[in-house]
Protein backbone atom coordinates (compact mmCIF):
# COMPACT_ATOMS: atom_id res chain seq x y z
CA UNK A 1 31.06 -44.89 67.32
CA UNK A 2 34.55 -43.95 66.24
CA UNK A 3 36.88 -41.41 68.01
CA UNK A 4 38.18 -38.51 65.92
CA UNK A 5 41.69 -40.11 65.73
CA UNK A 6 39.87 -43.19 64.33
CA UNK A 7 37.48 -41.37 61.92
CA UNK A 8 40.75 -39.55 60.38
CA UNK A 9 42.19 -43.33 59.70
CA UNK A 10 39.07 -44.44 58.23
CA UNK A 11 38.76 -41.43 55.62
CA UNK A 12 42.30 -41.98 54.73
CA UNK A 13 41.52 -45.52 53.92
CA UNK A 14 39.31 -44.90 51.11
CA UNK A 15 41.56 -42.91 48.71
CA UNK A 16 44.53 -45.64 48.86
CA UNK A 17 42.13 -48.54 48.71
CA UNK A 18 40.62 -47.08 45.22
CA UNK A 19 44.09 -46.99 44.00
CA UNK A 20 44.36 -50.96 44.20
CA UNK A 21 40.64 -52.34 44.13
CA UNK A 22 40.47 -52.88 40.73
CA UNK A 23 43.51 -55.37 40.74
CA UNK A 24 42.63 -57.22 44.02
CA UNK A 25 39.86 -59.78 44.67
CA UNK A 26 40.17 -60.04 48.42
CA UNK A 27 41.39 -57.71 50.99
CA UNK A 28 43.06 -59.46 53.72
CA UNK A 29 43.44 -57.60 57.13
CA UNK A 30 43.57 -57.90 60.73
CA UNK A 31 40.98 -56.82 63.11
CA UNK A 32 42.27 -53.16 63.14
CA UNK A 33 40.42 -52.84 59.99
CA UNK A 34 37.06 -54.21 61.19
CA UNK A 35 35.11 -50.88 60.92
CA UNK A 36 31.47 -50.40 59.21
CA UNK A 37 33.08 -47.50 56.93
CA UNK A 38 36.10 -49.53 55.74
CA UNK A 39 33.57 -52.94 55.05
CA UNK A 40 31.54 -50.51 53.09
CA UNK A 41 34.15 -49.03 50.94
CA UNK A 42 35.38 -52.88 50.23
CA UNK A 43 32.15 -53.96 49.41
CA UNK A 44 31.20 -51.02 47.13
CA UNK A 45 34.43 -51.83 45.05
CA UNK A 46 33.14 -55.66 44.73
CA UNK A 47 36.32 -56.85 46.59
CA UNK A 48 35.91 -59.67 49.30
CA UNK A 49 36.79 -58.55 52.75
CA UNK A 50 38.59 -61.18 54.73
CA UNK A 51 38.78 -59.48 58.03
CA UNK A 52 37.99 -61.07 61.33
CA UNK A 53 35.48 -59.26 63.45
CA UNK A 54 36.56 -57.46 66.49
CA UNK A 55 35.61 -59.07 69.76
CA UNK A 56 33.06 -56.26 70.79
CA UNK A 57 31.15 -56.29 67.53
CA UNK A 58 27.42 -57.19 68.28
CA UNK A 59 27.08 -58.60 64.95
CA UNK A 60 30.06 -60.29 63.75
CA UNK A 61 30.67 -60.56 60.12
CA UNK A 62 31.90 -63.77 58.68
CA UNK A 63 35.21 -64.24 57.14
CA UNK A 64 36.99 -66.83 55.23
CA UNK A 65 39.55 -68.51 57.44
CA UNK A 66 41.42 -70.51 54.65
CA UNK A 67 42.09 -67.07 52.87
CA UNK A 68 42.86 -65.30 56.25
CA UNK A 69 45.80 -67.80 56.88
CA UNK A 70 47.50 -66.51 53.58
CA UNK A 71 47.77 -63.31 55.38
CA UNK A 72 50.50 -65.08 57.77
CA UNK A 73 52.46 -65.94 54.74
CA UNK A 74 52.55 -62.51 53.70
CA UNK A 75 53.51 -60.98 56.95
CA UNK A 76 56.22 -63.65 57.14
CA UNK A 77 57.65 -62.50 53.78
CA UNK A 78 57.68 -58.82 54.82
CA UNK A 79 59.37 -59.94 58.24
CA UNK A 80 62.11 -61.83 56.10
CA UNK A 81 62.55 -58.82 53.59
CA UNK A 82 63.05 -56.87 56.82
CA UNK A 83 66.25 -58.49 57.54
CA UNK A 84 67.71 -56.55 54.58
CA UNK A 85 68.72 -53.08 56.47
CA UNK A 86 68.27 -51.24 53.04
CA UNK A 87 64.62 -52.42 53.07
CA UNK A 88 63.66 -51.99 56.29
CA UNK A 89 65.01 -48.49 56.39
CA UNK A 90 64.37 -47.13 52.65
CA UNK A 91 67.84 -46.22 51.89
CA UNK A 92 67.14 -45.65 48.24
CA UNK A 93 66.13 -42.10 46.96
CA UNK A 94 63.54 -43.34 44.21
CA UNK A 95 60.65 -45.86 44.52
CA UNK A 96 61.81 -47.46 41.39
CA UNK A 97 65.25 -48.53 42.88
CA UNK A 98 63.31 -49.54 46.28
CA UNK A 99 61.22 -51.73 44.39
CA UNK A 100 64.12 -53.10 42.50
CA UNK A 101 65.88 -53.99 45.42
CA UNK A 102 62.83 -55.59 47.16
CA UNK A 103 62.34 -57.67 43.77
CA UNK A 104 66.04 -58.92 44.13
CA UNK A 105 65.62 -59.68 47.76
CA UNK A 106 62.34 -61.67 47.18
CA UNK A 107 64.06 -63.54 44.43
CA UNK A 108 67.03 -64.78 46.86
CA UNK A 109 64.39 -65.70 49.23
CA UNK A 110 62.36 -67.73 46.66
CA UNK A 111 65.28 -69.41 45.03
CA UNK A 112 66.08 -72.12 47.60
CA UNK A 113 62.11 -73.23 47.13
CA UNK A 114 62.58 -73.76 43.32
CA UNK A 115 66.19 -74.68 42.82
CA UNK A 116 67.85 -77.86 44.54
CA UNK A 117 71.63 -77.72 44.74
């Protein structure tokens, strides 16, 4: 059973998820997203849910452990991007300039892996 605060969070998930559901094949998330309403929304969109079950779930849903490990890589990327104060605090006024700086910071992180000096 969801508390009133959790029900609001689940209701807010659907509109945001529908905005990206046609562009993704798998939804990688932590245990906080393990709710029946969220799983139904993901399944209705035809997207694979890669969400580990909460420890108190009676019938735990299986998840792909290999794909779930990718989530760690994504988390580490965001943590490295947040080292740039401009990214962490959103100083940019427009989303275009913010995303442009995120792209520049990502390229700076990526270059050492593809170019040897």
